[in-house]
Amino acid sequence: MPTYDFKNQRTGKIFEKMISISDKQKYLDDNPHIVQLVSGINIVSGVSGKSYRQDSGWKDNLSRIAEAHPNSNLAKNTLKRSVKEVKTAEVLKKHRRRVK
């Protein structure tokens, strides 16, 4: 059940109440001197667990995309490259900077 902030307009008291959405509307209708306060939303910044990890099918799909675009950031992050490929890419990057 969600938690809501309310204010009693007669006393000025602010309080928090855990109540269902349907019961909240009934509560506000029965108590006209009580108003709901607007509050910020709760954001979950990170969730981890077995069900939130990438499965092998998605990883295969990313690998196919990376192979089709070898110079992309996705390719740099997902493809396993040999030492020779890494060194070659570094040399090419160095020379591209010189030309500019």
PDB file of N, CA and C in Angstrom:
ATOM      1  N   MET A   1       0.839  -1.183   0.000  1.00  0.00           N
ATOM      2  CA  MET A   1       0.000   0.000   0.000  1.00  0.00           C
ATOM      3  C   MET A   1       0.880   1.242   0.000  1.00  0.00           C
ATOM      4  N   PRO A   2       0.476   2.234  -0.753  1.00  0.00           N
ATOM      5  CA  PRO A   2       1.272   3.466  -0.792  1.00  0.00           C
ATOM      6  C   PRO A   2       1.075   4.332   0.441  1.00  0.00           C
ATOM      7  N   THR A   3       2.037   5.186   0.681  1.00  0.00           N
ATOM      8  CA  THR A   3       1.989   6.129   1.789  1.00  0.00           C
ATOM      9  C   THR A   3       1.746   7.523   1.222  1.00  0.00           C
ATOM     10  N   TYR A   4       0.810   8.255   1.839  1.00  0.00           N
ATOM     11  CA  TYR A   4       0.462   9.596   1.382  1.00  0.00           C
ATOM     12  C   TYR A   4       0.663  10.592   2.513  1.00  0.00           C
ATOM     13  N   ASP A   5       0.973  11.831   2.142  1.00  0.00           N
ATOM     14  CA  ASP A   5       1.075  12.924   3.103  1.00  0.00           C
ATOM     15  C   ASP A   5      -0.220  13.720   3.053  1.00  0.00           C
ATOM     16  N   PHE A   6      -0.773  14.003   4.235  1.00  0.00           N
ATOM     17  CA  PHE A   6      -2.011  14.773   4.350  1.00  0.00           C
ATOM     18  C   PHE A   6      -1.793  15.956   5.270  1.00  0.00           C
ATOM     19  N   LYS A   7      -2.672  16.949   5.133  1.00  0.00           N
ATOM     20  CA  LYS A   7      -2.624  18.116   6.003  1.00  0.00           C
ATOM     21  C   LYS A   7      -4.035  18.392   6.503  1.00  0.00           C
ATOM     22  N   ASN A   8      -4.145  18.545   7.813  1.00  0.00           N
ATOM     23  CA  ASN A   8      -5.404  18.936   8.423  1.00  0.00           C
ATOM     24  C   ASN A   8      -5.471  20.459   8.364  1.00  0.00           C
ATOM     25  N   GLN A   9      -6.417  20.993   7.605  1.00  0.00           N
ATOM     26  CA  GLN A   9      -6.493  22.440   7.411  1.00  0.00           C
ATOM     27  C   GLN A   9      -6.958  23.171   8.670  1.00  0.00           C
ATOM     28  N   ARG A  10      -7.653  22.489   9.561  1.00  0.00           N
ATOM     29  CA  ARG A  10      -8.115  23.120  10.811  1.00  0.00           C
ATOM     30  C   ARG A  10      -6.952  23.344  11.773  1.00  0.00           C
ATOM     31  N   THR A  11      -6.111  22.322  11.918  1.00  0.00           N
ATOM     32  CA  THR A  11      -5.028  22.410  12.904  1.00  0.00           C
ATOM     33  C   THR A  11      -3.673  22.749  12.269  1.00  0.00           C
ATOM     34  N   GLY A  12      -3.557  22.545  10.949  1.00  0.00           N
ATOM     35  CA  GLY A  12      -2.287  22.774  10.278  1.00  0.00           C
ATOM     36  C   GLY A  12      -1.322  21.612  10.422  1.00  0.00           C
ATOM     37  N   LYS A  13      -1.780  20.521  11.040  1.00  0.00           N
ATOM     38  CA  LYS A  13      -0.919  19.364  11.281  1.00  0.00           C
ATOM     39  C   LYS A  13      -0.725  18.575   9.980  1.00  0.00           C
ATOM     40  N   ILE A  14       0.516  18.209   9.707  1.00  0.00           N
ATOM     41  CA  ILE A  14       0.857  17.383   8.547  1.00  0.00           C
ATOM     42  C   ILE A  14       1.159  15.979   9.066  1.00  0.00           C
ATOM     43  N   PHE A  15       0.553  14.984   8.417  1.00  0.00           N
ATOM     44  CA  PHE A  15       0.768  13.606   8.851  1.00  0.00           C
ATOM     45  C   PHE A  15       0.823  12.695   7.640  1.00  0.00           C
ATOM     46  N   GLU A  16       1.340  11.498   7.889  1.00  0.00           N
ATOM     47  CA  GLU A  16       1.531  10.503   6.837  1.00  0.00           C
ATOM     48  C   GLU A  16       0.618   9.322   7.137  1.00  0.00           C
ATOM     49  N   LYS A  17       0.001   8.788   6.093  1.00  0.00           N
ATOM     50  CA  LYS A  17      -0.925   7.675   6.294  1.00  0.00           C
ATOM     51  C   LYS A  17      -0.715   6.649   5.193  1.00  0.00           C
ATOM     52  N   MET A  18      -0.657   5.373   5.571  1.00  0.00           N
ATOM     53  CA  MET A  18      -0.554   4.293   4.600  1.00  0.00           C
ATOM     54  C   MET A  18      -1.972   3.816   4.314  1.00  0.00           C
ATOM     55  N   ILE A  19      -2.382   3.970   3.048  1.00  0.00           N
ATOM     56  CA  ILE A  19      -3.769   3.692   2.699  1.00  0.00           C
ATOM     57  C   ILE A  19      -3.830   3.337   1.209  1.00  0.00           C
ATOM     58  N   SER A  20      -4.790   2.493   0.824  1.00  0.00           N
ATOM     59  CA  SER A  20      -4.914   2.130  -0.584  1.00  0.00           C
ATOM     60  C   SER A  20      -5.478   3.310  -1.379  1.00  0.00           C
ATOM     61  N   ILE A  21      -5.343   3.244  -2.689  1.00  0.00           N
ATOM     62  CA  ILE A  21      -5.792   4.349  -3.539  1.00  0.00           C
ATOM     63  C   ILE A  21      -7.298   4.550  -3.425  1.00  0.00           C
ATOM     64  N   SER A  22      -8.062   3.460  -3.461  1.00  0.00           N
ATOM     65  CA  SER A  22      -9.523   3.589  -3.376  1.00  0.00           C
ATOM     66  C   SER A  22      -9.952   4.096  -1.999  1.00  0.00           C
ATOM     67  N   ASP A  23      -9.296   3.634  -0.945  1.00  0.00           N
ATOM     68  CA  ASP A  23      -9.635   4.103   0.405  1.00  0.00           C
ATOM     69  C   ASP A  23      -9.211   5.555   0.609  1.00  0.00           C
ATOM     70  N   LYS A  24      -8.162   5.987  -0.077  1.00  0.00           N
ATOM     71  CA  LYS A  24      -7.701   7.374   0.037  1.00  0.00           C
ATOM     72  C   LYS A  24      -8.782   8.347  -0.432  1.00  0.00           C
ATOM     73  N   GLN A  25      -9.391   8.051  -1.566  1.00  0.00           N
ATOM     74  CA  GLN A  25     -10.422   8.940  -2.087  1.00  0.00           C
ATOM     75  C   GLN A  25     -11.625   8.972  -1.157  1.00  0.00           C
ATOM     76  N   LYS A  26     -12.000   7.824  -0.603  1.00  0.00           N
ATOM     77  CA  LYS A  26     -13.120   7.769   0.341  1.00  0.00           C
ATOM     78  C   LYS A  26     -12.780   8.559   1.602  1.00  0.00           C
ATOM     79  N   TYR A  27     -11.542   8.431   2.076  1.00  0.00           N
ATOM     80  CA  TYR A  27     -11.090   9.151   3.264  1.00  0.00           C
ATOM     81  C   TYR A  27     -11.145  10.666   3.041  1.00  0.00           C
ATOM     82  N   LEU A  28     -10.699  11.112   1.862  1.00  0.00           N
ATOM     83  CA  LEU A  28     -10.735  12.542   1.560  1.00  0.00           C
ATOM     84  C   LEU A  28     -12.172  13.058   1.418  1.00  0.00           C
ATOM     85  N   ASP A  29     -13.059  12.241   0.858  1.00  0.00           N
ATOM     86  CA  ASP A  29     -14.466  12.637   0.731  1.00  0.00           C
ATOM     87  C   ASP A  29     -15.143  12.733   2.097  1.00  0.00           C
ATOM     88  N   ASP A  30     -14.799  11.819   2.994  1.00  0.00           N
ATOM     89  CA  ASP A  30     -15.397  11.810   4.338  1.00  0.00           C
ATOM     90  C   ASP A  30     -14.828  12.906   5.236  1.00  0.00           C
ATOM     91  N   ASN A  31     -13.637  13.383   4.943  1.00  0.00           N
ATOM     92  CA  ASN A  31     -12.968  14.404   5.756  1.00  0.00           C
ATOM     93  C   ASN A  31     -12.591  15.596   4.873  1.00  0.00           C
ATOM     94  N   PRO A  32     -13.529  16.516   4.614  1.00  0.00           N
ATOM     95  CA  PRO A  32     -13.240  17.624   3.700  1.00  0.00           C
ATOM     96  C   PRO A  32     -12.191  18.606   4.228  1.00  0.00           C
ATOM     97  N   HIS A  33     -11.934  18.607   5.545  1.00  0.00           N
ATOM     98  CA  HIS A  33     -10.931  19.502   6.116  1.00  0.00           C
ATOM     99  C   HIS A  33      -9.504  18.962   5.946  1.00  0.00           C
ATOM    100  N   ILE A  34      -9.371  17.761   5.374  1.00  0.00           N
ATOM    101  CA  ILE A  34      -8.058  17.148   5.151  1.00  0.00           C
ATOM    102  C   ILE A  34      -7.763  17.182   3.654  1.00  0.00           C
ATOM    103  N   VAL A  35      -6.572  17.646   3.308  1.00  0.00           N
ATOM    104  CA  VAL A  35      -6.150  17.683   1.906  1.00  0.00           C
ATOM    105  C   VAL A  35      -4.868  16.869   1.751  1.00  0.00           C
ATOM    106  N   GLN A  36      -4.708  16.309   0.554  1.00  0.00           N
ATOM    107  CA  GLN A  36      -3.500  15.548   0.258  1.00  0.00           C
ATOM    108  C   GLN A  36      -2.414  16.500  -0.198  1.00  0.00           C
ATOM    109  N   LEU A  37      -1.211  16.310   0.316  1.00  0.00           N
ATOM    110  CA  LEU A  37      -0.064  17.112  -0.095  1.00  0.00           C
ATOM    111  C   LEU A  37       0.648  16.415  -1.257  1.00  0.00           C
ATOM    112  N   VAL A  38       1.156  17.202  -2.170  1.00  0.00           N
ATOM    113  CA  VAL A  38       1.911  16.655  -3.289  1.00  0.00           C
ATOM    114  C   VAL A  38       3.330  16.383  -2.802  1.00  0.00           C
ATOM    115  N   SER A  39       3.804  15.190  -3.076  1.00  0.00           N
ATOM    116  CA  SER A  39       5.156  14.834  -2.654  1.00  0.00           C
ATOM    117  C   SER A  39       5.935  14.326  -3.852  1.00  0.00           C
ATOM    118  N   GLY A  40       7.242  14.263  -3.709  1.00  0.00           N
ATOM    119  CA  GLY A  40       8.102  13.785  -4.783  1.00  0.00           C
ATOM    120  C   GLY A  40       7.932  12.298  -4.983  1.00  0.00           C
ATOM    121  N   ILE A  41       8.353  11.833  -6.137  1.00  0.00           N
ATOM    122  CA  ILE A  41       8.253  10.415  -6.434  1.00  0.00           C
ATOM    123  C   ILE A  41       9.475   9.688  -5.895  1.00  0.00           C
ATOM    124  N   ASN A  42       9.308   8.417  -5.625  1.00  0.00           N
ATOM    125  CA  ASN A  42      10.423   7.586  -5.192  1.00  0.00           C
ATOM    126  C   ASN A  42      11.038   6.943  -6.413  1.00  0.00           C
ATOM    127  N   ILE A  43      12.351   7.073  -6.552  1.00  0.00           N
ATOM    128  CA  ILE A  43      13.059   6.524  -7.701  1.00  0.00           C
ATOM    129  C   ILE A  43      14.049   5.486  -7.195  1.00  0.00           C
ATOM    130  N   VAL A  44      13.997   4.325  -7.802  1.00  0.00           N
ATOM    131  CA  VAL A  44      14.960   3.285  -7.483  1.00  0.00           C
ATOM    132  C   VAL A  44      16.137   3.476  -8.420  1.00  0.00           C
ATOM    133  N   SER A  45      17.301   3.731  -7.852  1.00  0.00           N
ATOM    134  CA  SER A  45      18.448   4.066  -8.689  1.00  0.00           C
ATOM    135  C   SER A  45      19.097   2.841  -9.319  1.00  0.00           C
ATOM    136  N   GLY A  46      18.994   1.725  -8.686  1.00  0.00           N
ATOM    137  CA  GLY A  46      19.621   0.549  -9.265  1.00  0.00           C
ATOM    138  C   GLY A  46      19.005  -0.719  -8.719  1.00  0.00           C
ATOM    139  N   VAL A  47      18.860  -1.676  -9.577  1.00  0.00           N
ATOM    140  CA  VAL A  47      18.294  -2.956  -9.175  1.00  0.00           C
ATOM    141  C   VAL A  47      19.219  -4.025  -9.710  1.00  0.00           C
ATOM    142  N   SER A  48      19.557  -4.949  -8.864  1.00  0.00           N
ATOM    143  CA  SER A  48      20.411  -6.027  -9.340  1.00  0.00           C
ATOM    144  C   SER A  48      19.791  -7.353  -8.938  1.00  0.00           C
ATOM    145  N   GLY A  49      20.194  -8.348  -9.589  1.00  0.00           N
ATOM    146  CA  GLY A  49      19.681  -9.675  -9.303  1.00  0.00           C
ATOM    147  C   GLY A  49      19.785 -10.547 -10.541  1.00  0.00           C
ATOM    148  N   LYS A  50      19.479 -11.800 -10.382  1.00  0.00           N
ATOM    149  CA  LYS A  50      19.615 -12.742 -11.477  1.00  0.00           C
ATOM    150  C   LYS A  50      18.685 -12.395 -12.635  1.00  0.00           C
ATOM    151  N   SER A  51      17.482 -11.942 -12.352  1.00  0.00           N
ATOM    152  CA  SER A  51      16.511 -11.684 -13.410  1.00  0.00           C
ATOM    153  C   SER A  51      16.815 -10.403 -14.182  1.00  0.00           C
ATOM    154  N   TYR A  52      17.724  -9.574 -13.713  1.00  0.00           N
ATOM    155  CA  TYR A  52      18.025  -8.316 -14.383  1.00  0.00           C
ATOM    156  C   TYR A  52      19.319  -8.367 -15.198  1.00  0.00           C
ATOM    157  N   ARG A  53      19.939  -9.517 -15.256  1.00  0.00           N
ATOM    158  CA  ARG A  53      21.176  -9.650 -16.015  1.00  0.00           C
ATOM    159  C   ARG A  53      20.859  -9.966 -17.469  1.00  0.00           C
ATOM    160  N   GLN A  54      21.796  -9.699 -18.335  1.00  0.00           N
ATOM    161  CA  GLN A  54      21.600  -9.972 -19.754  1.00  0.00           C
ATOM    162  C   GLN A  54      21.718 -11.464 -20.005  1.00  0.00           C
ATOM    163  N   ASP A  55      20.773 -12.010 -20.754  1.00  0.00           N
ATOM    164  CA  ASP A  55      20.859 -13.421 -21.080  1.00  0.00           C
ATOM    165  C   ASP A  55      21.762 -13.615 -22.299  1.00  0.00           C
ATOM    166  N   SER A  56      22.075 -14.866 -22.611  1.00  0.00           N
ATOM    167  CA  SER A  56      23.025 -15.142 -23.691  1.00  0.00           C
ATOM    168  C   SER A  56      22.471 -14.748 -25.051  1.00  0.00           C
ATOM    169  N   GLY A  57      21.163 -14.818 -25.244  1.00  0.00           N
ATOM    170  CA  GLY A  57      20.574 -14.412 -26.518  1.00  0.00           C
ATOM    171  C   GLY A  57      20.797 -12.941 -26.801  1.00  0.00           C
ATOM    172  N   TRP A  58      20.646 -12.107 -25.764  1.00  0.00           N
ATOM    173  CA  TRP A  58      20.869 -10.675 -25.937  1.00  0.00           C
ATOM    174  C   TRP A  58      22.344 -10.388 -26.191  1.00  0.00           C
ATOM    175  N   LYS A  59      23.220 -11.104 -25.489  1.00  0.00           N
ATOM    176  CA  LYS A  59      24.652 -10.913 -25.699  1.00  0.00           C
ATOM    177  C   LYS A  59      25.055 -11.323 -27.118  1.00  0.00           C
ATOM    178  N   ASP A  60      24.455 -12.400 -27.642  1.00  0.00           N
ATOM    179  CA  ASP A  60      24.735 -12.809 -29.018  1.00  0.00           C
ATOM    180  C   ASP A  60      24.280 -11.740 -30.003  1.00  0.00           C
ATOM    181  N   ASN A  61      23.131 -11.158 -29.752  1.00  0.00           N
ATOM    182  CA  ASN A  61      22.612 -10.102 -30.614  1.00  0.00           C
ATOM    183  C   ASN A  61      23.545  -8.894 -30.603  1.00  0.00           C
ATOM    184  N   LEU A  62      24.016  -8.497 -29.423  1.00  0.00           N
ATOM    185  CA  LEU A  62      24.962  -7.384 -29.325  1.00  0.00           C
ATOM    186  C   LEU A  62      26.252  -7.696 -30.073  1.00  0.00           C
ATOM    187  N   SER A  63      26.702  -8.931 -30.003  1.00  0.00           N
ATOM    188  CA  SER A  63      27.933  -9.322 -30.699  1.00  0.00           C
ATOM    189  C   SER A  63      27.754  -9.217 -32.206  1.00  0.00           C
ATOM    190  N   ARG A  64      26.583  -9.633 -32.714  1.00  0.00           N
ATOM    191  CA  ARG A  64      26.332  -9.533 -34.157  1.00  0.00           C
ATOM    192  C   ARG A  64      26.307  -8.072 -34.610  1.00  0.00           C
ATOM    193  N   ILE A  65      25.695  -7.218 -33.808  1.00  0.00           N
ATOM    194  CA  ILE A  65      25.656  -5.790 -34.151  1.00  0.00           C
ATOM    195  C   ILE A  65      27.068  -5.214 -34.128  1.00  0.00           C
ATOM    196  N   ALA A  66      27.848  -5.585 -33.121  1.00  0.00           N
ATOM    197  CA  ALA A  66      29.217  -5.077 -32.997  1.00  0.00           C
ATOM    198  C   ALA A  66      30.093  -5.544 -34.149  1.00  0.00           C
ATOM    199  N   GLU A  67      29.907  -6.781 -34.602  1.00  0.00           N
ATOM    200  CA  GLU A  67      30.685  -7.279 -35.738  1.00  0.00           C
ATOM    201  C   GLU A  67      30.334  -6.532 -37.014  1.00  0.00           C
ATOM    202  N   ALA A  68      29.078  -6.124 -37.146  1.00  0.00           N
ATOM    203  CA  ALA A  68      28.656  -5.375 -38.332  1.00  0.00           C
ATOM    204  C   ALA A  68      29.205  -3.951 -38.314  1.00  0.00           C
ATOM    205  N   HIS A  69      29.501  -3.424 -37.127  1.00  0.00           N
ATOM    206  CA  HIS A  69      30.020  -2.060 -36.972  1.00  0.00           C
ATOM    207  C   HIS A  69      31.286  -2.099 -36.108  1.00  0.00           C
ATOM    208  N   PRO A  70      32.400  -2.522 -36.687  1.00  0.00           N
ATOM    209  CA  PRO A  70      33.610  -2.767 -35.887  1.00  0.00           C
ATOM    210  C   PRO A  70      34.231  -1.517 -35.264  1.00  0.00           C
ATOM    211  N   ASN A  71      33.934  -0.330 -35.762  1.00  0.00           N
ATOM    212  CA  ASN A  71      34.539   0.881 -35.203  1.00  0.00           C
ATOM    213  C   ASN A  71      33.634   1.579 -34.190  1.00  0.00           C
ATOM    214  N   SER A  72      32.524   0.975 -33.825  1.00  0.00           N
ATOM    215  CA  SER A  72      31.578   1.604 -32.895  1.00  0.00           C
ATOM    216  C   SER A  72      32.006   1.372 -31.445  1.00  0.00           C
ATOM    217  N   ASN A  73      31.422   2.147 -30.554  1.00  0.00           N
ATOM    218  CA  ASN A  73      31.693   1.959 -29.125  1.00  0.00           C
ATOM    219  C   ASN A  73      31.176   0.613 -28.646  1.00  0.00           C
ATOM    220  N   LEU A  74      30.084   0.158 -29.224  1.00  0.00           N
ATOM    221  CA  LEU A  74      29.547  -1.152 -28.852  1.00  0.00           C
ATOM    222  C   LEU A  74      30.571  -2.243 -29.155  1.00  0.00           C
ATOM    223  N   ALA A  75      31.220  -2.140 -30.301  1.00  0.00           N
ATOM    224  CA  ALA A  75      32.234  -3.133 -30.667  1.00  0.00           C
ATOM    225  C   ALA A  75      33.407  -3.093 -29.695  1.00  0.00           C
ATOM    226  N   LYS A  76      33.792  -1.893 -29.287  1.00  0.00           N
ATOM    227  CA  LYS A  76      34.907  -1.769 -28.346  1.00  0.00           C
ATOM    228  C   LYS A  76      34.580  -2.392 -26.999  1.00  0.00           C
ATOM    229  N   ASN A  77      33.294  -2.324 -26.620  1.00  0.00           N
ATOM    230  CA  ASN A  77      32.892  -2.832 -25.305  1.00  0.00           C
ATOM    231  C   ASN A  77      32.522  -4.307 -25.313  1.00  0.00           C
ATOM    232  N   THR A  78      32.041  -4.851 -26.435  1.00  0.00           N
ATOM    233  CA  THR A  78      31.524  -6.214 -26.410  1.00  0.00           C
ATOM    234  C   THR A  78      32.418  -7.241 -27.080  1.00  0.00           C
ATOM    235  N   LEU A  79      33.111  -6.842 -28.133  1.00  0.00           N
ATOM    236  CA  LEU A  79      33.929  -7.827 -28.845  1.00  0.00           C
ATOM    237  C   LEU A  79      35.232  -8.100 -28.116  1.00  0.00           C
ATOM    238  N   LYS A  80      35.622  -9.351 -28.130  1.00  0.00           N
ATOM    239  CA  LYS A  80      36.923  -9.720 -27.577  1.00  0.00           C
ATOM    240  C   LYS A  80      37.924  -9.594 -28.714  1.00  0.00           C
ATOM    241  N   ARG A  81      38.889  -8.705 -28.523  1.00  0.00           N
ATOM    242  CA  ARG A  81      39.877  -8.449 -29.563  1.00  0.00           C
ATOM    243  C   ARG A  81      41.235  -8.966 -29.124  1.00  0.00           C
ATOM    244  N   SER A  82      42.009  -9.344 -30.093  1.00  0.00           N
ATOM    245  CA  SER A  82      43.365  -9.812 -29.796  1.00  0.00           C
ATOM    246  C   SER A  82      44.251  -8.605 -29.491  1.00  0.00           C
ATOM    247  N   VAL A  83      45.414  -8.893 -28.968  1.00  0.00           N
ATOM    248  CA  VAL A  83      46.367  -7.835 -28.649  1.00  0.00           C
ATOM    249  C   VAL A  83      46.761  -7.097 -29.928  1.00  0.00           C
ATOM    250  N   LYS A  84      46.926  -7.837 -31.016  1.00  0.00           N
ATOM    251  CA  LYS A  84      47.297  -7.221 -32.292  1.00  0.00           C
ATOM    252  C   LYS A  84      46.215  -6.248 -32.750  1.00  0.00           C
ATOM    253  N   GLU A  85      44.954  -6.633 -32.635  1.00  0.00           N
ATOM    254  CA  GLU A  85      43.854  -5.751 -33.046  1.00  0.00           C
ATOM    255  C   GLU A  85      43.800  -4.491 -32.193  1.00  0.00           C
ATOM    256  N   VAL A  86      44.028  -4.629 -30.897  1.00  0.00           N
ATOM    257  CA  VAL A  86      44.015  -3.474 -29.994  1.00  0.00           C
ATOM    258  C   VAL A  86      45.141  -2.514 -30.351  1.00  0.00           C
ATOM    259  N   LYS A  87      46.350  -3.038 -30.552  1.00  0.00           N
ATOM    260  CA  LYS A  87      47.503  -2.188 -30.891  1.00  0.00           C
ATOM    261  C   LYS A  87      47.304  -1.511 -32.245  1.00  0.00           C
ATOM    262  N   THR A  88      46.755  -2.234 -33.206  1.00  0.00           N
ATOM    263  CA  THR A  88      46.493  -1.646 -34.522  1.00  0.00           C
ATOM    264  C   THR A  88      45.491  -0.501 -34.395  1.00  0.00           C
ATOM    265  N   ALA A  89      44.450  -0.683 -33.621  1.00  0.00           N
ATOM    266  CA  ALA A  89      43.443   0.366 -33.430  1.00  0.00           C
ATOM    267  C   ALA A  89      44.061   1.589 -32.762  1.00  0.00           C
ATOM    268  N   GLU A  90      44.969   1.382 -31.807  1.00  0.00           N
ATOM    269  CA  GLU A  90      45.636   2.507 -31.139  1.00  0.00           C
ATOM    270  C   GLU A  90      46.507   3.295 -32.109  1.00  0.00           C
ATOM    271  N   VAL A  91      47.237   2.592 -32.975  1.00  0.00           N
ATOM    272  CA  VAL A  91      48.091   3.267 -33.953  1.00  0.00           C
ATOM    273  C   VAL A  91      47.232   4.070 -34.931  1.00  0.00           C
ATOM    274  N   LEU A  92      46.143   3.478 -35.410  1.00  0.00           N
ATOM    275  CA  LEU A  92      45.250   4.186 -36.332  1.00  0.00           C
ATOM    276  C   LEU A  92      44.650   5.422 -35.674  1.00  0.00           C
ATOM    277  N   LYS A  93      44.281   5.298 -34.434  1.00  0.00           N
ATOM    278  CA  LYS A  93      43.711   6.439 -33.704  1.00  0.00           C
ATOM    279  C   LYS A  93      44.755   7.557 -33.565  1.00  0.00           C
ATOM    280  N   LYS A  94      45.971   7.175 -33.272  1.00  0.00           N
ATOM    281  CA  LYS A  94      47.063   8.136 -33.127  1.00  0.00           C
ATOM    282  C   LYS A  94      47.296   8.895 -34.434  1.00  0.00           C
ATOM    283  N   HIS A  95      47.314   8.171 -35.543  1.00  0.00           N
ATOM    284  CA  HIS A  95      47.569   8.812 -36.830  1.00  0.00           C
ATOM    285  C   HIS A  95      46.379   9.657 -37.301  1.00  0.00           C
ATOM    286  N   ARG A  96      45.185   9.264 -36.950  1.00  0.00           N
ATOM    287  CA  ARG A  96      44.009  10.075 -37.296  1.00  0.00           C
ATOM    288  C   ARG A  96      44.052  11.410 -36.575  1.00  0.00           C
ATOM    289  N   ARG A  97      44.531  11.405 -35.317  1.00  0.00           N
ATOM    290  CA  ARG A  97      44.653  12.653 -34.580  1.00  0.00           C
ATOM    291  C   ARG A  97      45.718  13.568 -35.200  1.00  0.00           C
ATOM    292  N   ARG A  98      46.796  12.985 -35.681  1.00  0.00           N
ATOM    293  CA  ARG A  98      47.859  13.786 -36.298  1.00  0.00           C
ATOM    294  C   ARG A  98      47.394  14.465 -37.586  1.00  0.00           C
ATOM    295  N   VAL A  99      46.586  13.757 -38.356  1.00  0.00           N
ATOM    296  CA  VAL A  99      46.119  14.267 -39.642  1.00  0.00           C
ATOM    297  C   VAL A  99      45.180  15.446 -39.450  1.00  0.00           C
ATOM    298  N   LYS A 100      44.397  15.438 -38.410  1.00  0.00           N
ATOM    299  CA  LYS A 100      43.431  16.518 -38.164  1.00  0.00           C
ATOM    300  C   LYS A 100      44.090  17.778 -37.849  1.00  0.00           C
TER     301      LYS A 100
END
